[in-house]
């Protein structure tokens, strides 16, 4: 346990940087009268590290396969799949950057009873905020894209292009970067903009899918009515069925994003309004890990729901397996000469 002689300086530090609540300062504040809770918090941190170690492997490898599959399959080069590529890229970066930073910072504290280097803490805070912002905006653009595909019909391919999607994605990265770096300058503005932007994103997603649902419901009634009188065209039914499946797939992705972020947003809001305690800190750590786990779920959704992705993923995995075997055979051939 950390020596009591440090407490005056650490308490002063805590009063100045209360909103950031470094782990060492937090432990010092509650160590005297809540030993059991602090021990539970340390156990929670260790369990979170174990879960994140398993999750980051799935997030990095799974999303790497998705990225390769979209990149190598020309039939998947569409505006909608460009958005899914962008979302997979953020999930991939969570697996190879954010989660390792989280594990490193928490293990450093568990081993030394001290916060990690300030650069490590800042990197984790800024990068995790940046990627969260990009994920929110990408999910919002996905919902808008699906609504425009329904609203514009034949004009959709002319107006919504991959180049325009890339422009919007570049803008989302710029805005999210600015928001992420606000963490180091103004926490009040950071939290205010985060609350406003997340509310707008979630509201937009809900509105888009509610509108899509109404149109789909009305269109299904028309198809059933036409089928009764033998007026339905098979091609339009196939296109509508394909669109409905696509909408449901993207809705699942957006719903999982909301489901994983909601506990963290609620816990963070409660802490901002009522302050910290060990129970709230544990909730914040666990809900943060749930957000990281979201990056591991999307590859399974793509494989499960999207037939074109499933075929592309199988083809990519087969190519990787064949390449690995060829490298192994070539290596054995070279070794036989020595």
C-alpha atoms as a PDB file:
ATOM      1  CA  UNK A   1       0.000   0.000   0.000  1.00  0.00           C
ATOM      2  CA  UNK A   2       1.190   3.536  -0.703  1.00  0.00           C
ATOM      3  CA  UNK A   3       2.802   5.339   2.225  1.00  0.00           C
ATOM      4  CA  UNK A   4       0.753   7.881   4.154  1.00  0.00           C
ATOM      5  CA  UNK A   5       3.523  10.514   3.880  1.00  0.00           C
ATOM      6  CA  UNK A   6       2.550  11.110   0.268  1.00  0.00           C
ATOM      7  CA  UNK A   7      -1.057  11.938   1.046  1.00  0.00           C
ATOM      8  CA  UNK A   8      -0.924  15.761   1.424  1.00  0.00           C
ATOM      9  CA  UNK A   9       0.658  16.272  -1.970  1.00  0.00           C
ATOM     10  CA  UNK A  10      -1.595  13.678  -3.610  1.00  0.00           C
ATOM     11  CA  UNK A  11      -4.716  15.212  -2.031  1.00  0.00           C
ATOM     12  CA  UNK A  12      -3.721  18.574  -3.454  1.00  0.00           C
ATOM     13  CA  UNK A  13      -3.212  16.952  -6.863  1.00  0.00           C
ATOM     14  CA  UNK A  14      -6.606  15.277  -6.559  1.00  0.00           C
ATOM     15  CA  UNK A  15      -8.344  18.570  -5.789  1.00  0.00           C
ATOM     16  CA  UNK A  16      -6.833  20.186  -8.872  1.00  0.00           C
ATOM     17  CA  UNK A  17      -7.417  17.281 -11.278  1.00  0.00           C
ATOM     18  CA  UNK A  18     -10.575  15.865  -9.712  1.00  0.00           C
ATOM     19  CA  UNK A  19     -12.355  15.336 -13.010  1.00  0.00           C
ATOM     20  CA  UNK A  20      -9.561  13.164 -14.395  1.00  0.00           C
ATOM     21  CA  UNK A  21      -9.254  11.146 -11.158  1.00  0.00           C
ATOM     22  CA  UNK A  22      -5.898   9.366 -11.652  1.00  0.00           C
ATOM     23  CA  UNK A  23      -5.973   5.846 -10.237  1.00  0.00           C
ATOM     24  CA  UNK A  24      -3.243   6.471  -7.630  1.00  0.00           C
ATOM     25  CA  UNK A  25      -5.023   9.558  -6.272  1.00  0.00           C
ATOM     26  CA  UNK A  26      -8.307   7.687  -6.203  1.00  0.00           C
ATOM     27  CA  UNK A  27      -6.834   4.796  -4.199  1.00  0.00           C
ATOM     28  CA  UNK A  28      -5.216   7.192  -1.724  1.00  0.00           C
ATOM     29  CA  UNK A  29      -8.488   8.988  -1.124  1.00  0.00           C
ATOM     30  CA  UNK A  30     -10.445   5.854  -0.238  1.00  0.00           C
ATOM     31  CA  UNK A  31      -7.718   3.515   1.090  1.00  0.00           C
ATOM     32  CA  UNK A  32      -8.118   4.549   4.732  1.00  0.00           C
ATOM     33  CA  UNK A  33     -11.804   3.721   5.268  1.00  0.00           C
ATOM     34  CA  UNK A  34     -12.819   1.414   2.410  1.00  0.00           C
ATOM     35  CA  UNK A  35     -10.116  -1.277   2.289  1.00  0.00           C
ATOM     36  CA  UNK A  36     -12.472  -4.041   1.130  1.00  0.00           C
ATOM     37  CA  UNK A  37     -13.817  -1.884  -1.697  1.00  0.00           C
ATOM     38  CA  UNK A  38     -10.301  -0.980  -2.813  1.00  0.00           C
ATOM     39  CA  UNK A  39      -9.312  -4.658  -2.873  1.00  0.00           C
ATOM     40  CA  UNK A  40     -12.401  -5.397  -4.970  1.00  0.00           C
ATOM     41  CA  UNK A  41     -11.414  -2.563  -7.316  1.00  0.00           C
ATOM     42  CA  UNK A  42      -7.934  -4.028  -7.744  1.00  0.00           C
ATOM     43  CA  UNK A  43      -9.469  -7.446  -8.484  1.00  0.00           C
ATOM     44  CA  UNK A  44     -11.783  -5.761 -10.984  1.00  0.00           C
ATOM     45  CA  UNK A  45      -8.821  -4.109 -12.719  1.00  0.00           C
ATOM     46  CA  UNK A  46      -7.001  -7.440 -12.972  1.00  0.00           C
ATOM     47  CA  UNK A  47     -10.108  -9.177 -14.369  1.00  0.00           C
ATOM     48  CA  UNK A  48     -10.555  -6.357 -16.873  1.00  0.00           C
ATOM     49  CA  UNK A  49      -6.977  -6.820 -18.063  1.00  0.00           C
ATOM     50  CA  UNK A  50      -7.570 -10.540 -18.630  1.00  0.00           C
ATOM     51  CA  UNK A  51     -10.809  -9.895 -20.542  1.00  0.00           C
ATOM     52  CA  UNK A  52      -9.160  -7.201 -22.645  1.00  0.00           C
ATOM     53  CA  UNK A  53      -6.232  -9.491 -23.502  1.00  0.00           C
ATOM     54  CA  UNK A  54      -8.673 -12.028 -24.939  1.00  0.00           C
ATOM     55  CA  UNK A  55     -10.848  -9.370 -26.576  1.00  0.00           C
ATOM     56  CA  UNK A  56      -8.022  -7.512 -28.303  1.00  0.00           C
ATOM     57  CA  UNK A  57      -6.957 -10.685 -30.132  1.00  0.00           C
ATOM     58  CA  UNK A  58     -10.482 -11.133 -31.527  1.00  0.00           C
ATOM     59  CA  UNK A  59     -10.851  -7.419 -32.340  1.00  0.00           C
ATOM     60  CA  UNK A  60      -7.510  -7.152 -34.133  1.00  0.00           C
ATOM     61  CA  UNK A  61      -7.557 -10.455 -36.037  1.00  0.00           C
ATOM     62  CA  UNK A  62     -11.293 -10.451 -36.796  1.00  0.00           C
ATOM     63  CA  UNK A  63     -11.370  -6.902 -38.107  1.00  0.00           C
ATOM     64  CA  UNK A  64      -8.115  -7.441 -40.011  1.00  0.00           C
ATOM     65  CA  UNK A  65      -9.846 -10.247 -41.928  1.00  0.00           C
ATOM     66  CA  UNK A  66     -12.848  -7.984 -42.595  1.00  0.00           C
ATOM     67  CA  UNK A  67     -10.602  -5.194 -43.878  1.00  0.00           C
ATOM     68  CA  UNK A  68      -8.671  -7.574 -46.142  1.00  0.00           C
ATOM     69  CA  UNK A  69     -11.899  -9.124 -47.434  1.00  0.00           C
ATOM     70  CA  UNK A  70     -13.426  -5.779 -48.397  1.00  0.00           C
ATOM     71  CA  UNK A  71     -10.142  -4.480 -49.829  1.00  0.00           C
ATOM     72  CA  UNK A  72      -9.528  -7.542 -52.042  1.00  0.00           C
ATOM     73  CA  UNK A  73     -13.132  -8.133 -53.185  1.00  0.00           C
ATOM     74  CA  UNK A  74     -14.107  -5.638 -55.902  1.00  0.00           C
ATOM     75  CA  UNK A  75     -17.794  -6.550 -55.677  1.00  0.00           C
ATOM     76  CA  UNK A  76     -17.772  -5.175 -52.109  1.00  0.00           C
ATOM     77  CA  UNK A  77     -16.461  -1.754 -53.190  1.00  0.00           C
ATOM     78  CA  UNK A  78     -19.678   0.189 -52.621  1.00  0.00           C
ATOM     79  CA  UNK A  79     -20.491   3.303 -50.546  1.00  0.00           C
ATOM     80  CA  UNK A  80     -22.283   1.223 -47.904  1.00  0.00           C
ATOM     81  CA  UNK A  81     -19.373  -1.180 -47.550  1.00  0.00           C
ATOM     82  CA  UNK A  82     -16.955   1.768 -47.446  1.00  0.00           C
ATOM     83  CA  UNK A  83     -18.706   2.827 -44.241  1.00  0.00           C
ATOM     84  CA  UNK A  84     -18.465  -0.705 -42.854  1.00  0.00           C
ATOM     85  CA  UNK A  85     -14.768  -0.702 -43.814  1.00  0.00           C
ATOM     86  CA  UNK A  86     -14.318   2.549 -41.861  1.00  0.00           C
ATOM     87  CA  UNK A  87     -16.087   1.083 -38.830  1.00  0.00           C
ATOM     88  CA  UNK A  88     -13.948  -2.065 -39.002  1.00  0.00           C
ATOM     89  CA  UNK A  89     -10.848   0.131 -39.185  1.00  0.00           C
ATOM     90  CA  UNK A  90     -11.748   1.885 -35.919  1.00  0.00           C
ATOM     91  CA  UNK A  91     -12.505  -1.495 -34.302  1.00  0.00           C
ATOM     92  CA  UNK A  92      -9.146  -2.800 -35.550  1.00  0.00           C
ATOM     93  CA  UNK A  93      -7.342   0.216 -34.054  1.00  0.00           C
ATOM     94  CA  UNK A  94      -9.138  -0.347 -30.748  1.00  0.00           C
ATOM     95  CA  UNK A  95      -7.706  -3.877 -30.725  1.00  0.00           C
ATOM     96  CA  UNK A  96      -4.125  -2.961 -31.597  1.00  0.00           C
ATOM     97  CA  UNK A  97      -3.810   0.452 -29.881  1.00  0.00           C
ATOM     98  CA  UNK A  98      -6.469   1.340 -27.292  1.00  0.00           C
ATOM     99  CA  UNK A  99      -6.756  -1.992 -25.502  1.00  0.00           C
ATOM    100  CA  UNK A 100      -2.966  -2.518 -25.200  1.00  0.00           C
ATOM    101  CA  UNK A 101      -2.681   1.016 -23.767  1.00  0.00           C
ATOM    102  CA  UNK A 102      -5.442   0.240 -21.259  1.00  0.00           C
ATOM    103  CA  UNK A 103      -3.859  -3.057 -20.213  1.00  0.00           C
ATOM    104  CA  UNK A 104      -0.418  -1.463 -19.875  1.00  0.00           C
ATOM    105  CA  UNK A 105      -1.680   1.425 -17.723  1.00  0.00           C
ATOM    106  CA  UNK A 106      -3.708  -0.829 -15.408  1.00  0.00           C
ATOM    107  CA  UNK A 107      -0.998  -3.475 -15.016  1.00  0.00           C
ATOM    108  CA  UNK A 108       1.552  -0.737 -14.306  1.00  0.00           C
ATOM    109  CA  UNK A 109      -0.638   0.492 -11.471  1.00  0.00           C
ATOM    110  CA  UNK A 110      -1.341  -3.003 -10.102  1.00  0.00           C
ATOM    111  CA  UNK A 111       2.385  -3.809 -10.002  1.00  0.00           C
ATOM    112  CA  UNK A 112       3.776  -0.470  -8.750  1.00  0.00           C
ATOM    113  CA  UNK A 113       0.785   1.141  -6.961  1.00  0.00           C
ATOM    114  CA  UNK A 114       1.512   4.226  -9.052  1.00  0.00           C
ATOM    115  CA  UNK A 115      -0.072   5.797 -12.101  1.00  0.00           C
ATOM    116  CA  UNK A 116       1.778   5.157 -15.333  1.00  0.00           C
ATOM    117  CA  UNK A 117       3.732   7.851 -17.177  1.00  0.00           C
ATOM    118  CA  UNK A 118       1.654  10.896 -18.049  1.00  0.00           C
ATOM    119  CA  UNK A 119       2.299  10.289 -21.757  1.00  0.00           C
ATOM    120  CA  UNK A 120       0.729   6.816 -21.448  1.00  0.00           C
ATOM    121  CA  UNK A 121      -2.359   8.168 -19.679  1.00  0.00           C
ATOM    122  CA  UNK A 122      -2.769  10.995 -22.182  1.00  0.00           C
ATOM    123  CA  UNK A 123      -2.310   8.700 -25.175  1.00  0.00           C
ATOM    124  CA  UNK A 124      -4.986   6.329 -23.865  1.00  0.00           C
ATOM    125  CA  UNK A 125      -7.467   9.133 -23.107  1.00  0.00           C
ATOM    126  CA  UNK A 126      -6.999  10.945 -26.426  1.00  0.00           C
ATOM    127  CA  UNK A 127      -6.921   7.866 -28.689  1.00  0.00           C
ATOM    128  CA  UNK A 128      -9.871   6.157 -26.998  1.00  0.00           C
ATOM    129  CA  UNK A 129     -11.909   9.369 -27.267  1.00  0.00           C
ATOM    130  CA  UNK A 130     -10.921   9.834 -30.920  1.00  0.00           C
ATOM    131  CA  UNK A 131     -11.903   6.290 -31.910  1.00  0.00           C
ATOM    132  CA  UNK A 132     -15.155   6.488 -29.948  1.00  0.00           C
ATOM    133  CA  UNK A 133     -16.067   9.688 -31.769  1.00  0.00           C
ATOM    134  CA  UNK A 134     -15.301   8.141 -35.173  1.00  0.00           C
ATOM    135  CA  UNK A 135     -17.363   5.046 -34.298  1.00  0.00           C
ATOM    136  CA  UNK A 136     -20.358   7.176 -33.304  1.00  0.00           C
ATOM    137  CA  UNK A 137     -20.202   9.261 -36.468  1.00  0.00           C
ATOM    138  CA  UNK A 138     -19.687   6.229 -38.695  1.00  0.00           C
ATOM    139  CA  UNK A 139     -22.692   4.444 -37.189  1.00  0.00           C
ATOM    140  CA  UNK A 140     -24.741   7.599 -37.765  1.00  0.00           C
ATOM    141  CA  UNK A 141     -23.593   7.808 -41.392  1.00  0.00           C
ATOM    142  CA  UNK A 142     -24.489   4.127 -41.863  1.00  0.00           C
ATOM    143  CA  UNK A 143     -28.078   4.787 -40.743  1.00  0.00           C
ATOM    144  CA  UNK A 144     -28.336   7.870 -42.971  1.00  0.00           C
ATOM    145  CA  UNK A 145     -26.909   5.891 -45.904  1.00  0.00           C
ATOM    146  CA  UNK A 146     -29.531   3.150 -45.520  1.00  0.00           C
ATOM    147  CA  UNK A 147     -32.303   5.754 -45.394  1.00  0.00           C
ATOM    148  CA  UNK A 148     -30.991   7.546 -48.494  1.00  0.00           C
ATOM    149  CA  UNK A 149     -30.854   4.226 -50.365  1.00  0.00           C
ATOM    150  CA  UNK A 150     -34.563   3.846 -49.635  1.00  0.00           C
ATOM    151  CA  UNK A 151     -35.462   7.474 -50.292  1.00  0.00           C
ATOM    152  CA  UNK A 152     -33.475   8.154 -53.471  1.00  0.00           C
ATOM    153  CA  UNK A 153     -33.992   4.816 -55.263  1.00  0.00           C
ATOM    154  CA  UNK A 154     -32.216   5.032 -58.640  1.00  0.00           C
ATOM    155  CA  UNK A 155     -30.613   8.397 -57.814  1.00  0.00           C
ATOM    156  CA  UNK A 156     -28.794   6.841 -54.840  1.00  0.00           C
ATOM    157  CA  UNK A 157     -25.868   5.534 -56.922  1.00  0.00           C
ATOM    158  CA  UNK A 158     -25.393   8.910 -58.591  1.00  0.00           C
ATOM    159  CA  UNK A 159     -25.538  11.002 -55.423  1.00  0.00           C
ATOM    160  CA  UNK A 160     -23.958   8.675 -52.859  1.00  0.00           C
ATOM    161  CA  UNK A 161     -20.485   7.644 -54.033  1.00  0.00           C
ATOM    162  CA  UNK A 162     -17.491   6.117 -52.292  1.00  0.00           C
ATOM    163  CA  UNK A 163     -15.491   9.329 -52.804  1.00  0.00           C
ATOM    164  CA  UNK A 164     -18.136  11.397 -51.035  1.00  0.00           C
ATOM    165  CA  UNK A 165     -18.270   8.847 -48.233  1.00  0.00           C
ATOM    166  CA  UNK A 166     -14.483   9.160 -47.859  1.00  0.00           C
ATOM    167  CA  UNK A 167     -14.845  12.958 -47.571  1.00  0.00           C
ATOM    168  CA  UNK A 168     -17.380  12.535 -44.771  1.00  0.00           C
ATOM    169  CA  UNK A 169     -15.144   9.991 -43.049  1.00  0.00           C
ATOM    170  CA  UNK A 170     -12.168  12.350 -43.268  1.00  0.00           C
ATOM    171  CA  UNK A 171     -14.313  15.046 -41.648  1.00  0.00           C
ATOM    172  CA  UNK A 172     -15.360  12.680 -38.859  1.00  0.00           C
ATOM    173  CA  UNK A 173     -11.709  11.857 -38.128  1.00  0.00           C
ATOM    174  CA  UNK A 174     -10.802  15.551 -38.013  1.00  0.00           C
ATOM    175  CA  UNK A 175     -13.706  16.458 -35.698  1.00  0.00           C
ATOM    176  CA  UNK A 176     -13.065  13.457 -33.451  1.00  0.00           C
ATOM    177  CA  UNK A 177      -9.358  14.330 -33.245  1.00  0.00           C
ATOM    178  CA  UNK A 178     -10.199  17.866 -32.127  1.00  0.00           C
ATOM    179  CA  UNK A 179     -12.632  16.485 -29.554  1.00  0.00           C
ATOM    180  CA  UNK A 180     -10.103  13.941 -28.296  1.00  0.00           C
ATOM    181  CA  UNK A 181      -7.408  16.567 -27.747  1.00  0.00           C
ATOM    182  CA  UNK A 182      -9.887  18.706 -25.794  1.00  0.00           C
ATOM    183  CA  UNK A 183      -9.392  16.179 -22.980  1.00  0.00           C
ATOM    184  CA  UNK A 184      -5.971  17.701 -22.345  1.00  0.00           C
ATOM    185  CA  UNK A 185      -7.208  21.306 -22.359  1.00  0.00           C
ATOM    186  CA  UNK A 186     -10.798  21.668 -21.151  1.00  0.00           C
ATOM    187  CA  UNK A 187     -12.573  18.752 -19.513  1.00  0.00           C
ATOM    188  CA  UNK A 188     -15.842  20.651 -19.092  1.00  0.00           C
ATOM    189  CA  UNK A 189     -15.976  21.438 -22.811  1.00  0.00           C
ATOM    190  CA  UNK A 190     -14.904  17.855 -23.590  1.00  0.00           C
ATOM    191  CA  UNK A 191     -17.767  16.341 -21.584  1.00  0.00           C
ATOM    192  CA  UNK A 192     -20.292  18.899 -22.829  1.00  0.00           C
ATOM    193  CA  UNK A 193     -19.475  18.311 -26.497  1.00  0.00           C
ATOM    194  CA  UNK A 194     -19.338  14.553 -25.907  1.00  0.00           C
ATOM    195  CA  UNK A 195     -22.821  14.563 -24.365  1.00  0.00           C
ATOM    196  CA  UNK A 196     -24.276  16.767 -27.107  1.00  0.00           C
ATOM    197  CA  UNK A 197     -22.668  14.862 -29.988  1.00  0.00           C
ATOM    198  CA  UNK A 198     -23.549  11.394 -28.626  1.00  0.00           C
ATOM    199  CA  UNK A 199     -27.141  12.507 -28.072  1.00  0.00           C
ATOM    200  CA  UNK A 200     -27.353  13.871 -31.628  1.00  0.00           C
ATOM    201  CA  UNK A 201     -25.822  10.701 -33.084  1.00  0.00           C
ATOM    202  CA  UNK A 202     -28.125   8.355 -31.192  1.00  0.00           C
ATOM    203  CA  UNK A 203     -31.159  10.522 -31.982  1.00  0.00           C
ATOM    204  CA  UNK A 204     -30.280  10.551 -35.688  1.00  0.00           C
ATOM    205  CA  UNK A 205     -29.818   6.767 -35.720  1.00  0.00           C
ATOM    206  CA  UNK A 206     -33.185   6.207 -34.018  1.00  0.00           C
ATOM    207  CA  UNK A 207     -34.991   8.633 -36.353  1.00  0.00           C
ATOM    208  CA  UNK A 208     -33.443   7.104 -39.484  1.00  0.00           C
ATOM    209  CA  UNK A 209     -34.333   3.535 -38.563  1.00  0.00           C
ATOM    210  CA  UNK A 210     -37.840   4.513 -37.446  1.00  0.00           C
ATOM    211  CA  UNK A 211     -38.415   6.118 -40.852  1.00  0.00           C
ATOM    212  CA  UNK A 212     -36.949   3.094 -42.613  1.00  0.00           C
ATOM    213  CA  UNK A 213     -39.196   0.769 -40.591  1.00  0.00           C
ATOM    214  CA  UNK A 214     -42.307   2.719 -41.551  1.00  0.00           C
ATOM    215  CA  UNK A 215     -41.444   2.662 -45.247  1.00  0.00           C
ATOM    216  CA  UNK A 216     -40.579  -1.044 -45.160  1.00  0.00           C
ATOM    217  CA  UNK A 217     -43.817  -1.830 -43.364  1.00  0.00           C
ATOM    218  CA  UNK A 218     -45.840   0.122 -45.943  1.00  0.00           C
ATOM    219  CA  UNK A 219     -43.949  -1.459 -48.826  1.00  0.00           C
ATOM    220  CA  UNK A 220     -44.545  -4.958 -47.485  1.00  0.00           C
ATOM    221  CA  UNK A 221     -48.269  -4.292 -47.361  1.00  0.00           C
ATOM    222  CA  UNK A 222     -48.142  -3.160 -50.989  1.00  0.00           C
ATOM    223  CA  UNK A 223     -46.232  -6.317 -52.003  1.00  0.00           C
ATOM    224  CA  UNK A 224     -48.749  -8.550 -50.213  1.00  0.00           C
ATOM    225  CA  UNK A 225     -51.610  -6.662 -51.835  1.00  0.00           C
ATOM    226  CA  UNK A 226     -50.038  -7.005 -55.303  1.00  0.00           C
ATOM    227  CA  UNK A 227     -49.298 -10.696 -54.697  1.00  0.00           C
ATOM    228  CA  UNK A 228     -52.968 -11.345 -54.032  1.00  0.00           C
ATOM    229  CA  UNK A 229     -53.830 -10.012 -57.483  1.00  0.00           C
ATOM    230  CA  UNK A 230     -50.782 -11.487 -59.256  1.00  0.00           C
ATOM    231  CA  UNK A 231     -49.214  -8.075 -59.937  1.00  0.00           C
ATOM    232  CA  UNK A 232     -45.976  -8.459 -57.992  1.00  0.00           C
ATOM    233  CA  UNK A 233     -42.656  -8.468 -59.865  1.00  0.00           C
ATOM    234  CA  UNK A 234     -40.097 -11.025 -58.720  1.00  0.00           C
ATOM    235  CA  UNK A 235     -37.131  -8.658 -59.300  1.00  0.00           C
ATOM    236  CA  UNK A 236     -38.570  -5.922 -57.068  1.00  0.00           C
ATOM    237  CA  UNK A 237     -39.321  -8.487 -54.372  1.00  0.00           C
ATOM    238  CA  UNK A 238     -35.737  -9.772 -54.482  1.00  0.00           C
ATOM    239  CA  UNK A 239     -34.295  -6.229 -54.324  1.00  0.00           C
ATOM    240  CA  UNK A 240     -36.591  -5.308 -51.455  1.00  0.00           C
ATOM    241  CA  UNK A 241     -35.703  -8.486 -49.555  1.00  0.00           C
ATOM    242  CA  UNK A 242     -31.988  -7.793 -50.039  1.00  0.00           C
ATOM    243  CA  UNK A 243     -32.390  -4.204 -48.848  1.00  0.00           C
ATOM    244  CA  UNK A 244     -34.388  -5.294 -45.802  1.00  0.00           C
ATOM    245  CA  UNK A 245     -31.679  -7.782 -44.828  1.00  0.00           C
ATOM    246  CA  UNK A 246     -29.014  -5.106 -45.280  1.00  0.00           C
ATOM    247  CA  UNK A 247     -30.961  -2.675 -43.088  1.00  0.00           C
ATOM    248  CA  UNK A 248     -31.405  -5.297 -40.381  1.00  0.00           C
ATOM    249  CA  UNK A 249     -27.680  -6.093 -40.442  1.00  0.00           C
ATOM    250  CA  UNK A 250     -26.640  -2.458 -40.050  1.00  0.00           C
ATOM    251  CA  UNK A 251     -29.311  -1.958 -37.388  1.00  0.00           C
ATOM    252  CA  UNK A 252     -27.787  -4.811 -35.360  1.00  0.00           C
ATOM    253  CA  UNK A 253     -24.360  -3.144 -35.652  1.00  0.00           C
ATOM    254  CA  UNK A 254     -25.751   0.221 -34.486  1.00  0.00           C
ATOM    255  CA  UNK A 255     -27.811  -1.393 -31.725  1.00  0.00           C
ATOM    256  CA  UNK A 256     -24.766  -3.247 -30.381  1.00  0.00           C
ATOM    257  CA  UNK A 257     -22.835   0.029 -30.405  1.00  0.00           C
ATOM    258  CA  UNK A 258     -25.578   1.698 -28.362  1.00  0.00           C
ATOM    259  CA  UNK A 259     -25.887  -1.314 -26.041  1.00  0.00           C
ATOM    260  CA  UNK A 260     -22.148  -1.313 -25.299  1.00  0.00           C
ATOM    261  CA  UNK A 261     -21.796   2.456 -24.851  1.00  0.00           C
ATOM    262  CA  UNK A 262     -24.955   3.094 -22.820  1.00  0.00           C
ATOM    263  CA  UNK A 263     -23.676   1.704 -19.455  1.00  0.00           C
ATOM    264  CA  UNK A 264     -20.487   3.770 -19.718  1.00  0.00           C
ATOM    265  CA  UNK A 265     -22.330   6.970 -20.627  1.00  0.00           C
ATOM    266  CA  UNK A 266     -24.737   6.512 -17.707  1.00  0.00           C
ATOM    267  CA  UNK A 267     -21.919   5.753 -15.245  1.00  0.00           C
ATOM    268  CA  UNK A 268     -19.847   8.709 -16.457  1.00  0.00           C
ATOM    269  CA  UNK A 269     -22.860  11.031 -16.101  1.00  0.00           C
ATOM    270  CA  UNK A 270     -23.527   9.806 -12.536  1.00  0.00           C
ATOM    271  CA  UNK A 271     -19.862  10.336 -11.605  1.00  0.00           C
ATOM    272  CA  UNK A 272     -19.814  13.835 -13.085  1.00  0.00           C
ATOM    273  CA  UNK A 273     -22.934  14.758 -11.118  1.00  0.00           C
ATOM    274  CA  UNK A 274     -22.267  12.928  -7.847  1.00  0.00           C
ATOM    275  CA  UNK A 275     -18.535  12.326  -7.638  1.00  0.00           C
ATOM    276  CA  UNK A 276     -16.435   9.157  -7.360  1.00  0.00           C
ATOM    277  CA  UNK A 277     -16.555   6.202  -5.010  1.00  0.00           C
ATOM    278  CA  UNK A 278     -15.106   2.682  -5.364  1.00  0.00           C
ATOM    279  CA  UNK A 279     -18.390   1.158  -6.587  1.00  0.00           C
ATOM    280  CA  UNK A 280     -18.781   3.820  -9.299  1.00  0.00           C
ATOM    281  CA  UNK A 281     -15.129   3.428 -10.270  1.00  0.00           C
ATOM    282  CA  UNK A 282     -15.595  -0.327 -10.711  1.00  0.00           C
ATOM    283  CA  UNK A 283     -18.701   0.312 -12.806  1.00  0.00           C
ATOM    284  CA  UNK A 284     -16.737   2.748 -14.957  1.00  0.00           C
ATOM    285  CA  UNK A 285     -13.916   0.255 -15.518  1.00  0.00           C
ATOM    286  CA  UNK A 286     -16.288  -2.614 -16.358  1.00  0.00           C
ATOM    287  CA  UNK A 287     -18.446  -0.492 -18.668  1.00  0.00           C
ATOM    288  CA  UNK A 288     -15.292   0.732 -20.410  1.00  0.00           C
ATOM    289  CA  UNK A 289     -14.307  -2.868 -21.079  1.00  0.00           C
ATOM    290  CA  UNK A 290     -17.789  -3.523 -22.491  1.00  0.00           C
ATOM    291  CA  UNK A 291     -17.131  -0.724 -25.001  1.00  0.00           C
ATOM    292  CA  UNK A 292     -13.875  -2.427 -26.030  1.00  0.00           C
ATOM    293  CA  UNK A 293     -15.696  -5.756 -26.430  1.00  0.00           C
ATOM    294  CA  UNK A 294     -17.988  -4.091 -28.986  1.00  0.00           C
ATOM    295  CA  UNK A 295     -15.032  -4.014 -31.389  1.00  0.00           C
ATOM    296  CA  UNK A 296     -14.885  -7.821 -31.204  1.00  0.00           C
ATOM    297  CA  UNK A 297     -18.583  -8.333 -31.970  1.00  0.00           C
ATOM    298  CA  UNK A 298     -18.939  -6.657 -35.366  1.00  0.00           C
ATOM    299  CA  UNK A 299     -16.876  -9.219 -37.372  1.00  0.00           C
ATOM    300  CA  UNK A 300     -19.237 -11.959 -36.161  1.00  0.00           C
ATOM    301  CA  UNK A 301     -22.254  -9.855 -37.186  1.00  0.00           C
ATOM    302  CA  UNK A 302     -20.829  -9.346 -40.696  1.00  0.00           C
ATOM    303  CA  UNK A 303     -20.083 -13.059 -41.077  1.00  0.00           C
ATOM    304  CA  UNK A 304     -23.498 -14.066 -39.728  1.00  0.00           C
ATOM    305  CA  UNK A 305     -25.716 -11.549 -41.500  1.00  0.00           C
ATOM    306  CA  UNK A 306     -24.094 -10.580 -44.820  1.00  0.00           C
ATOM    307  CA  UNK A 307     -23.797 -13.374 -47.394  1.00  0.00           C
ATOM    308  CA  UNK A 308     -21.339 -11.441 -49.580  1.00  0.00           C
ATOM    309  CA  UNK A 309     -19.081 -10.811 -46.592  1.00  0.00           C
ATOM    310  CA  UNK A 310     -19.276 -14.451 -45.561  1.00  0.00           C
ATOM    311  CA  UNK A 311     -18.095 -15.591 -49.000  1.00  0.00           C
ATOM    312  CA  UNK A 312     -15.342 -12.946 -49.115  1.00  0.00           C
ATOM    313  CA  UNK A 313     -14.144 -13.853 -45.614  1.00  0.00           C
ATOM    314  CA  UNK A 314     -13.985 -17.568 -46.474  1.00  0.00           C
ATOM    315  CA  UNK A 315     -12.063 -16.749 -49.647  1.00  0.00           C
ATOM    316  CA  UNK A 316      -9.636 -14.490 -47.762  1.00  0.00           C
ATOM    317  CA  UNK A 317      -9.003 -17.113 -45.073  1.00  0.00           C
ATOM    318  CA  UNK A 318      -8.381 -19.746 -47.750  1.00  0.00           C
ATOM    319  CA  UNK A 319      -5.921 -17.435 -49.514  1.00  0.00           C
ATOM    320  CA  UNK A 320      -4.092 -16.787 -46.236  1.00  0.00           C
ATOM    321  CA  UNK A 321      -3.939 -20.509 -45.474  1.00  0.00           C
ATOM    322  CA  UNK A 322      -2.592 -21.310 -48.963  1.00  0.00           C
ATOM    323  CA  UNK A 323      -0.002 -18.525 -48.714  1.00  0.00           C
ATOM    324  CA  UNK A 324       1.148 -19.791 -45.309  1.00  0.00           C
ATOM    325  CA  UNK A 325       1.482 -23.343 -46.646  1.00  0.00           C
ATOM    326  CA  UNK A 326       3.465 -22.119 -49.658  1.00  0.00           C
ATOM    327  CA  UNK A 327       5.804 -20.173 -47.372  1.00  0.00           C
ATOM    328  CA  UNK A 328       6.250 -23.283 -45.199  1.00  0.00           C
ATOM    329  CA  UNK A 329       6.998 -25.494 -48.212  1.00  0.00           C
ATOM    330  CA  UNK A 330       9.466 -22.939 -49.591  1.00  0.00           C
ATOM    331  CA  UNK A 331      11.189 -22.726 -46.204  1.00  0.00           C
ATOM    332  CA  UNK A 332      11.485 -26.519 -45.966  1.00  0.00           C
ATOM    333  CA  UNK A 333      12.860 -26.633 -49.529  1.00  0.00           C
ATOM    334  CA  UNK A 334      15.569 -24.104 -48.681  1.00  0.00           C
ATOM    335  CA  UNK A 335      16.469 -25.957 -45.470  1.00  0.00           C
ATOM    336  CA  UNK A 336      16.948 -29.207 -47.396  1.00  0.00           C
ATOM    337  CA  UNK A 337      19.914 -27.649 -49.230  1.00  0.00           C
ATOM    338  CA  UNK A 338      21.861 -27.124 -46.000  1.00  0.00           C
END
